[in-house]
Amino acid sequence: MGFEGAPRFLGVDDCGREVLSFIRGEAAIAPYEDWALNEDALVSVAQLLRRYHDAVVSFDATGHEWPQSVPAALRGNVISHNDPNMDNVIFSGDRAVALIDFDLASPGSVVCDVACAVRLWAPLREESNAPSQLRGRSLARLRTFVDAYGLPKRDRARVVDAAVHTHDWCYDIVRDTVADGHATFGRIWREGGRARADRTREWIAAQGPQMRAALSTSTEVRRPWGS
């Protein structure tokens, strides 16, 4: 499909496990190093996501089954990744080169994926829950990401609404996973994860006007992928 930034399916091994190609690089994993939080990394994630969407827009999802589906209001004409978390993006140097962990991918939309990504990469949350280097910069990084992606003006306000909806959808999955007995998720949930998720949801909902104002001053510029 013309997109090189994802592992390739190589088959199934004798134990029934899918085998994927290896992508050399490193993910942004806490505690985050400075390269993962700088503006160049943020821009490259937005550009990588745009390249992915440009490639999959031609994919016909008819007849395929998906383990999860985003809410109907967030569906459009692409297969969205739906979980472009910091540890699901592979970097070479300080540039994002690949997306991994497509287990939540489903028919979705550009707006849905941009909202998912910027919610995590800005990040859109109260400052006490953000890396210290990024405190006070969430709205500026939101604008930088959307500009670097090249999102049309007509869709920018929709990203703000989608941020709340994608947060709710994501944590509905987390709650179901915890209820099913997932040990790691359960521990994180009990040790403050649930409270942080609730505070983040409140922050995103309360900051809607500020986010819309930040995006209204954005410049609709699609940067060359090689720049």
C-alpha atoms as a PDB file:
ATOM      1  CA  MET A   1       0.000   0.000   0.000  1.00  0.00           C
ATOM      2  CA  GLY A   2       3.021   2.234  -0.257  1.00  0.00           C
ATOM      3  CA  PHE A   3       3.593   2.604   3.491  1.00  0.00           C
ATOM      4  CA  GLU A   4       6.889   1.291   4.830  1.00  0.00           C
ATOM      5  CA  GLY A   5       6.387   2.419   8.415  1.00  0.00           C
ATOM      6  CA  ALA A   6       4.805  -0.743   9.844  1.00  0.00           C
ATOM      7  CA  PRO A   7       5.891  -4.345  10.482  1.00  0.00           C
ATOM      8  CA  ARG A   8       5.134  -6.824   7.724  1.00  0.00           C
ATOM      9  CA  PHE A   9       3.165 -10.017   8.353  1.00  0.00           C
ATOM     10  CA  LEU A  10       5.456 -12.981   7.658  1.00  0.00           C
ATOM     11  CA  GLY A  11       3.203 -15.874   8.621  1.00  0.00           C
ATOM     12  CA  VAL A  12       2.265 -17.988  11.627  1.00  0.00           C
ATOM     13  CA  ASP A  13       4.711 -20.120  13.619  1.00  0.00           C
ATOM     14  CA  ASP A  14       4.210 -23.675  14.936  1.00  0.00           C
ATOM     15  CA  CYS A  15       2.606 -22.308  18.109  1.00  0.00           C
ATOM     16  CA  GLY A  16       0.002 -20.331  16.205  1.00  0.00           C
ATOM     17  CA  ARG A  17       1.681 -16.980  16.813  1.00  0.00           C
ATOM     18  CA  GLU A  18       1.849 -14.314  14.147  1.00  0.00           C
ATOM     19  CA  VAL A  19       5.381 -13.548  12.972  1.00  0.00           C
ATOM     20  CA  LEU A  20       6.186  -9.965  11.999  1.00  0.00           C
ATOM     21  CA  SER A  21       9.214  -8.306  10.464  1.00  0.00           C
ATOM     22  CA  PHE A  22      11.583  -6.439  12.789  1.00  0.00           C
ATOM     23  CA  ILE A  23      11.869  -2.662  12.629  1.00  0.00           C
ATOM     24  CA  ARG A  24      15.139  -1.324  13.966  1.00  0.00           C
ATOM     25  CA  GLY A  25      14.887   1.669  16.284  1.00  0.00           C
ATOM     26  CA  GLU A  26      13.570   2.603  19.701  1.00  0.00           C
ATOM     27  CA  ALA A  27      10.273   3.636  21.207  1.00  0.00           C
ATOM     28  CA  ALA A  28       9.631   6.537  23.546  1.00  0.00           C
ATOM     29  CA  ILE A  29       9.288   4.820  26.906  1.00  0.00           C
ATOM     30  CA  ALA A  30       9.094   6.432  30.351  1.00  0.00           C
ATOM     31  CA  PRO A  31      11.195   7.895  31.828  1.00  0.00           C
ATOM     32  CA  TYR A  32      11.302   9.855  28.587  1.00  0.00           C
ATOM     33  CA  GLU A  33      14.587  11.061  27.156  1.00  0.00           C
ATOM     34  CA  ASP A  34      14.804  14.586  25.813  1.00  0.00           C
ATOM     35  CA  TRP A  35      14.789  13.469  22.163  1.00  0.00           C
ATOM     36  CA  ALA A  36      11.305  11.972  22.598  1.00  0.00           C
ATOM     37  CA  LEU A  37       9.835  15.237  23.854  1.00  0.00           C
ATOM     38  CA  ASN A  38      11.304  17.777  21.471  1.00  0.00           C
ATOM     39  CA  GLU A  39       9.472  19.538  18.654  1.00  0.00           C
ATOM     40  CA  ASP A  40      11.231  17.578  15.896  1.00  0.00           C
ATOM     41  CA  ALA A  41       9.945  14.293  17.339  1.00  0.00           C
ATOM     42  CA  LEU A  42       6.418  15.700  17.655  1.00  0.00           C
ATOM     43  CA  VAL A  43       6.402  16.934  14.049  1.00  0.00           C
ATOM     44  CA  SER A  44       7.754  13.632  12.754  1.00  0.00           C
ATOM     45  CA  VAL A  45       4.993  11.675  14.523  1.00  0.00           C
ATOM     46  CA  ALA A  46       2.358  13.873  12.893  1.00  0.00           C
ATOM     47  CA  GLN A  47       3.982  13.418   9.489  1.00  0.00           C
ATOM     48  CA  LEU A  48       4.274   9.645   9.962  1.00  0.00           C
ATOM     49  CA  LEU A  49       0.583   9.454  10.853  1.00  0.00           C
ATOM     50  CA  ARG A  50      -0.272  11.471   7.732  1.00  0.00           C
ATOM     51  CA  ARG A  51       1.743   9.117   5.529  1.00  0.00           C
ATOM     52  CA  TYR A  52      -0.062   6.159   7.072  1.00  0.00           C
ATOM     53  CA  HIS A  53      -3.477   7.690   6.420  1.00  0.00           C
ATOM     54  CA  ASP A  54      -2.562   8.612   2.850  1.00  0.00           C
ATOM     55  CA  ALA A  55      -1.628   4.964   2.262  1.00  0.00           C
ATOM     56  CA  VAL A  56      -4.628   3.241   3.892  1.00  0.00           C
ATOM     57  CA  VAL A  57      -7.327   5.514   2.491  1.00  0.00           C
ATOM     58  CA  SER A  58      -7.449   3.185  -0.525  1.00  0.00           C
ATOM     59  CA  PHE A  59      -7.916   0.028   1.596  1.00  0.00           C
ATOM     60  CA  ASP A  60     -11.320  -1.643   1.270  1.00  0.00           C
ATOM     61  CA  ALA A  61     -12.393  -2.796   4.737  1.00  0.00           C
ATOM     62  CA  THR A  62     -15.468  -4.617   3.455  1.00  0.00           C
ATOM     63  CA  GLY A  63     -15.731  -8.160   4.788  1.00  0.00           C
ATOM     64  CA  HIS A  64     -12.997  -7.796   7.383  1.00  0.00           C
ATOM     65  CA  GLU A  65     -13.602  -8.343  11.099  1.00  0.00           C
ATOM     66  CA  TRP A  66     -12.166  -6.056  13.756  1.00  0.00           C
ATOM     67  CA  PRO A  67     -11.706  -6.847  17.469  1.00  0.00           C
ATOM     68  CA  GLN A  68     -12.715  -3.293  18.422  1.00  0.00           C
ATOM     69  CA  SER A  69     -14.472  -0.488  16.580  1.00  0.00           C
ATOM     70  CA  VAL A  70     -14.432   3.186  17.358  1.00  0.00           C
ATOM     71  CA  PRO A  71     -17.814   4.868  17.959  1.00  0.00           C
ATOM     72  CA  ALA A  72     -19.850   5.412  14.802  1.00  0.00           C
ATOM     73  CA  ALA A  73     -19.506   9.186  15.124  1.00  0.00           C
ATOM     74  CA  LEU A  74     -15.733   8.835  14.750  1.00  0.00           C
ATOM     75  CA  ARG A  75     -15.752   6.628  11.660  1.00  0.00           C
ATOM     76  CA  GLY A  76     -14.788   7.867   8.253  1.00  0.00           C
ATOM     77  CA  ASN A  77     -12.898   6.524   5.280  1.00  0.00           C
ATOM     78  CA  VAL A  78      -9.637   5.203   6.748  1.00  0.00           C
ATOM     79  CA  ILE A  79      -8.451   2.362   8.947  1.00  0.00           C
ATOM     80  CA  SER A  80      -7.281   4.279  11.991  1.00  0.00           C
ATOM     81  CA  HIS A  81      -4.498   2.987  14.226  1.00  0.00           C
ATOM     82  CA  ASN A  82      -6.415   4.115  17.356  1.00  0.00           C
ATOM     83  CA  ASP A  83      -3.478   3.703  19.758  1.00  0.00           C
ATOM     84  CA  PRO A  84      -0.535   5.862  18.593  1.00  0.00           C
ATOM     85  CA  ASN A  85       0.798   5.949  22.135  1.00  0.00           C
ATOM     86  CA  MET A  86       4.376   7.047  22.720  1.00  0.00           C
ATOM     87  CA  ASP A  87       5.569   3.458  23.083  1.00  0.00           C
ATOM     88  CA  ASN A  88       3.833   2.450  19.839  1.00  0.00           C
ATOM     89  CA  VAL A  89       5.964   4.716  17.651  1.00  0.00           C
ATOM     90  CA  ILE A  90       9.451   3.623  16.595  1.00  0.00           C
ATOM     91  CA  PHE A  91      12.151   6.245  16.144  1.00  0.00           C
ATOM     92  CA  SER A  92      15.409   6.270  14.290  1.00  0.00           C
ATOM     93  CA  GLY A  93      17.397   9.058  15.878  1.00  0.00           C
ATOM     94  CA  ASP A  94      14.845  11.717  16.739  1.00  0.00           C
ATOM     95  CA  ARG A  95      12.543  10.954  13.804  1.00  0.00           C
ATOM     96  CA  ALA A  96       9.478   8.713  13.900  1.00  0.00           C
ATOM     97  CA  VAL A  97       9.785   5.981  11.280  1.00  0.00           C
ATOM     98  CA  ALA A  98       7.155   3.352  12.115  1.00  0.00           C
ATOM     99  CA  LEU A  99       3.914   2.550  13.904  1.00  0.00           C
ATOM    100  CA  ILE A 100       3.555  -0.745  15.770  1.00  0.00           C
ATOM    101  CA  ASP A 101       0.874  -2.517  17.823  1.00  0.00           C
ATOM    102  CA  PHE A 102      -2.117  -2.422  15.490  1.00  0.00           C
ATOM    103  CA  ASP A 103      -4.358  -4.570  17.712  1.00  0.00           C
ATOM    104  CA  LEU A 104      -6.897  -1.724  18.129  1.00  0.00           C
ATOM    105  CA  ALA A 105      -6.949  -0.713  14.459  1.00  0.00           C
ATOM    106  CA  SER A 106     -10.410  -0.508  12.909  1.00  0.00           C
ATOM    107  CA  PRO A 107     -12.487   1.522  10.468  1.00  0.00           C
ATOM    108  CA  GLY A 108     -12.156   5.040  11.790  1.00  0.00           C
ATOM    109  CA  SER A 109     -11.199   8.483  10.600  1.00  0.00           C
ATOM    110  CA  VAL A 110      -8.362  10.926  10.257  1.00  0.00           C
ATOM    111  CA  VAL A 111      -9.904  13.102  12.971  1.00  0.00           C
ATOM    112  CA  CYS A 112     -10.134  10.116  15.319  1.00  0.00           C
ATOM    113  CA  ASP A 113      -6.463   9.190  14.893  1.00  0.00           C
ATOM    114  CA  VAL A 114      -5.202  12.761  15.121  1.00  0.00           C
ATOM    115  CA  ALA A 115      -7.186  13.218  18.336  1.00  0.00           C
ATOM    116  CA  CYS A 116      -5.820   9.943  19.742  1.00  0.00           C
ATOM    117  CA  ALA A 117      -2.268  10.891  18.873  1.00  0.00           C
ATOM    118  CA  VAL A 118      -2.228  14.488  20.025  1.00  0.00           C
ATOM    119  CA  ARG A 119      -4.029  13.573  23.246  1.00  0.00           C
ATOM    120  CA  LEU A 120      -1.008  11.436  24.100  1.00  0.00           C
ATOM    121  CA  TRP A 121       1.816  13.385  22.483  1.00  0.00           C
ATOM    122  CA  ALA A 122       0.928  16.981  23.445  1.00  0.00           C
ATOM    123  CA  PRO A 123      -0.129  15.667  25.991  1.00  0.00           C
ATOM    124  CA  LEU A 124      -3.693  16.808  26.683  1.00  0.00           C
ATOM    125  CA  ARG A 125      -3.884  16.423  30.447  1.00  0.00           C
ATOM    126  CA  GLU A 126      -3.380  18.422  33.602  1.00  0.00           C
ATOM    127  CA  GLU A 127       0.197  19.542  34.084  1.00  0.00           C
ATOM    128  CA  SER A 128       0.898  17.410  37.152  1.00  0.00           C
ATOM    129  CA  ASN A 129       0.457  14.298  34.984  1.00  0.00           C
ATOM    130  CA  ALA A 130       2.647  15.533  32.108  1.00  0.00           C
ATOM    131  CA  PRO A 131       6.432  15.181  31.783  1.00  0.00           C
ATOM    132  CA  SER A 132       8.042  18.160  33.508  1.00  0.00           C
ATOM    133  CA  GLN A 133       9.630  19.350  30.229  1.00  0.00           C
ATOM    134  CA  LEU A 134       6.193  19.720  28.611  1.00  0.00           C
ATOM    135  CA  ARG A 135       4.262  21.457  31.372  1.00  0.00           C
ATOM    136  CA  GLY A 136       2.593  24.595  30.130  1.00  0.00           C
ATOM    137  CA  ARG A 137       3.115  23.614  26.485  1.00  0.00           C
ATOM    138  CA  SER A 138       0.131  21.344  25.774  1.00  0.00           C
ATOM    139  CA  LEU A 139      -1.830  23.855  23.686  1.00  0.00           C
ATOM    140  CA  ALA A 140       1.209  24.935  21.674  1.00  0.00           C
ATOM    141  CA  ARG A 141       2.107  21.305  20.979  1.00  0.00           C
ATOM    142  CA  LEU A 142      -1.497  20.581  19.992  1.00  0.00           C
ATOM    143  CA  ARG A 143      -1.234  23.352  17.407  1.00  0.00           C
ATOM    144  CA  THR A 144       2.196  22.154  16.225  1.00  0.00           C
ATOM    145  CA  PHE A 145       0.956  18.591  15.734  1.00  0.00           C
ATOM    146  CA  VAL A 146      -2.156  19.581  13.797  1.00  0.00           C
ATOM    147  CA  ASP A 147      -0.139  21.974  11.606  1.00  0.00           C
ATOM    148  CA  ALA A 148       2.527  19.335  10.909  1.00  0.00           C
ATOM    149  CA  TYR A 149      -0.137  16.788   9.981  1.00  0.00           C
ATOM    150  CA  GLY A 150      -1.762  19.298   7.637  1.00  0.00           C
ATOM    151  CA  LEU A 151      -5.294  18.816   8.920  1.00  0.00           C
ATOM    152  CA  PRO A 152      -7.826  20.861   6.921  1.00  0.00           C
ATOM    153  CA  LYS A 153      -9.375  23.803   8.744  1.00  0.00           C
ATOM    154  CA  ARG A 154     -12.830  22.232   8.551  1.00  0.00           C
ATOM    155  CA  ASP A 155     -11.629  19.334  10.755  1.00  0.00           C
ATOM    156  CA  ARG A 156      -9.681  21.201  13.403  1.00  0.00           C
ATOM    157  CA  ALA A 157     -12.534  21.948  15.771  1.00  0.00           C
ATOM    158  CA  ARG A 158     -13.667  18.332  15.406  1.00  0.00           C
ATOM    159  CA  VAL A 159     -10.372  17.180  16.916  1.00  0.00           C
ATOM    160  CA  VAL A 160     -11.300  18.864  20.192  1.00  0.00           C
ATOM    161  CA  ASP A 161     -14.587  16.963  20.461  1.00  0.00           C
ATOM    162  CA  ALA A 162     -12.931  13.756  19.324  1.00  0.00           C
ATOM    163  CA  ALA A 163     -10.326  14.051  22.078  1.00  0.00           C
ATOM    164  CA  VAL A 164     -13.019  13.456  24.696  1.00  0.00           C
ATOM    165  CA  HIS A 165     -14.650  10.637  22.732  1.00  0.00           C
ATOM    166  CA  THR A 166     -11.373   8.826  22.034  1.00  0.00           C
ATOM    167  CA  HIS A 167     -10.400   9.138  25.701  1.00  0.00           C
ATOM    168  CA  ASP A 168     -13.705   7.569  26.752  1.00  0.00           C
ATOM    169  CA  TRP A 169     -13.383   4.795  24.163  1.00  0.00           C
ATOM    170  CA  CYS A 170      -9.823   4.007  25.185  1.00  0.00           C
ATOM    171  CA  TYR A 171     -10.625   3.759  28.871  1.00  0.00           C
ATOM    172  CA  ASP A 172     -13.734   1.691  28.254  1.00  0.00           C
ATOM    173  CA  ILE A 173     -11.333  -0.860  26.758  1.00  0.00           C
ATOM    174  CA  VAL A 174      -9.019  -0.532  29.758  1.00  0.00           C
ATOM    175  CA  ARG A 175     -11.908  -1.084  32.174  1.00  0.00           C
ATOM    176  CA  ASP A 176     -13.021  -4.184  30.277  1.00  0.00           C
ATOM    177  CA  THR A 177      -9.461  -5.497  30.279  1.00  0.00           C
ATOM    178  CA  VAL A 178      -9.152  -4.944  34.027  1.00  0.00           C
ATOM    179  CA  ALA A 179     -12.507  -6.647  34.599  1.00  0.00           C
ATOM    180  CA  ASP A 180     -11.241  -9.631  32.591  1.00  0.00           C
ATOM    181  CA  GLY A 181      -8.384 -10.028  35.068  1.00  0.00           C
ATOM    182  CA  HIS A 182      -5.405  -8.506  33.243  1.00  0.00           C
ATOM    183  CA  ALA A 183      -2.810  -8.373  36.033  1.00  0.00           C
ATOM    184  CA  THR A 184      -0.667  -5.457  34.819  1.00  0.00           C
ATOM    185  CA  PHE A 185      -3.570  -3.241  33.816  1.00  0.00           C
ATOM    186  CA  GLY A 186      -5.324  -4.107  37.069  1.00  0.00           C
ATOM    187  CA  ARG A 187      -2.324  -3.047  39.147  1.00  0.00           C
ATOM    188  CA  ILE A 188      -1.901   0.227  37.255  1.00  0.00           C
ATOM    189  CA  TRP A 189      -5.649   0.905  37.541  1.00  0.00           C
ATOM    190  CA  ARG A 190      -5.633   0.352  41.292  1.00  0.00           C
ATOM    191  CA  GLU A 191      -2.440   2.341  41.851  1.00  0.00           C
ATOM    192  CA  GLY A 192      -3.840   5.619  40.534  1.00  0.00           C
ATOM    193  CA  GLY A 193      -4.563   4.867  36.885  1.00  0.00           C
ATOM    194  CA  ARG A 194      -8.297   5.217  37.263  1.00  0.00           C
ATOM    195  CA  ALA A 195      -8.013   8.523  39.119  1.00  0.00           C
ATOM    196  CA  ARG A 196      -5.593   9.903  36.519  1.00  0.00           C
ATOM    197  CA  ALA A 197      -7.918   8.856  33.693  1.00  0.00           C
ATOM    198  CA  ASP A 198     -10.842  10.622  35.361  1.00  0.00           C
ATOM    199  CA  ARG A 199      -8.796  13.799  35.927  1.00  0.00           C
ATOM    200  CA  THR A 200      -7.608  13.763  32.332  1.00  0.00           C
ATOM    201  CA  ARG A 201     -11.141  13.447  31.052  1.00  0.00           C
ATOM    202  CA  GLU A 202     -12.206  16.425  33.150  1.00  0.00           C
ATOM    203  CA  TRP A 203      -9.227  18.468  31.909  1.00  0.00           C
ATOM    204  CA  ILE A 204      -9.935  17.750  28.236  1.00  0.00           C
ATOM    205  CA  ALA A 205     -13.613  18.631  28.632  1.00  0.00           C
ATOM    206  CA  ALA A 206     -12.830  21.851  30.512  1.00  0.00           C
ATOM    207  CA  GLN A 207     -10.125  22.986  28.082  1.00  0.00           C
ATOM    208  CA  GLY A 208     -12.320  22.744  24.982  1.00  0.00           C
ATOM    209  CA  PRO A 209     -12.561  26.523  24.386  1.00  0.00           C
ATOM    210  CA  GLN A 210      -8.816  26.989  24.869  1.00  0.00           C
ATOM    211  CA  MET A 211      -8.018  24.145  22.477  1.00  0.00           C
ATOM    212  CA  ARG A 212     -10.367  25.522  19.831  1.00  0.00           C
ATOM    213  CA  ALA A 213      -8.743  28.934  20.193  1.00  0.00           C
ATOM    214  CA  ALA A 214      -5.286  27.411  19.804  1.00  0.00           C
ATOM    215  CA  LEU A 215      -6.318  25.558  16.656  1.00  0.00           C
ATOM    216  CA  SER A 216      -8.062  28.582  15.180  1.00  0.00           C
ATOM    217  CA  THR A 217      -4.654  30.270  14.929  1.00  0.00           C
ATOM    218  CA  SER A 218      -3.057  27.237  13.278  1.00  0.00           C
ATOM    219  CA  THR A 219      -1.730  27.445   9.767  1.00  0.00           C
ATOM    220  CA  GLU A 220      -2.942  24.823   7.317  1.00  0.00           C
ATOM    221  CA  VAL A 221       0.423  23.814   5.931  1.00  0.00           C
ATOM    222  CA  ARG A 222       1.269  20.326   4.767  1.00  0.00           C
ATOM    223  CA  ARG A 223       5.003  19.957   5.293  1.00  0.00           C
ATOM    224  CA  PRO A 224       7.057  17.930   2.819  1.00  0.00           C
ATOM    225  CA  TRP A 225       7.611  14.471   4.224  1.00  0.00           C
ATOM    226  CA  GLY A 226      11.336  14.663   3.723  1.00  0.00           C
ATOM    227  CA  SER A 227      11.768  17.956   5.561  1.00  0.00           C
END
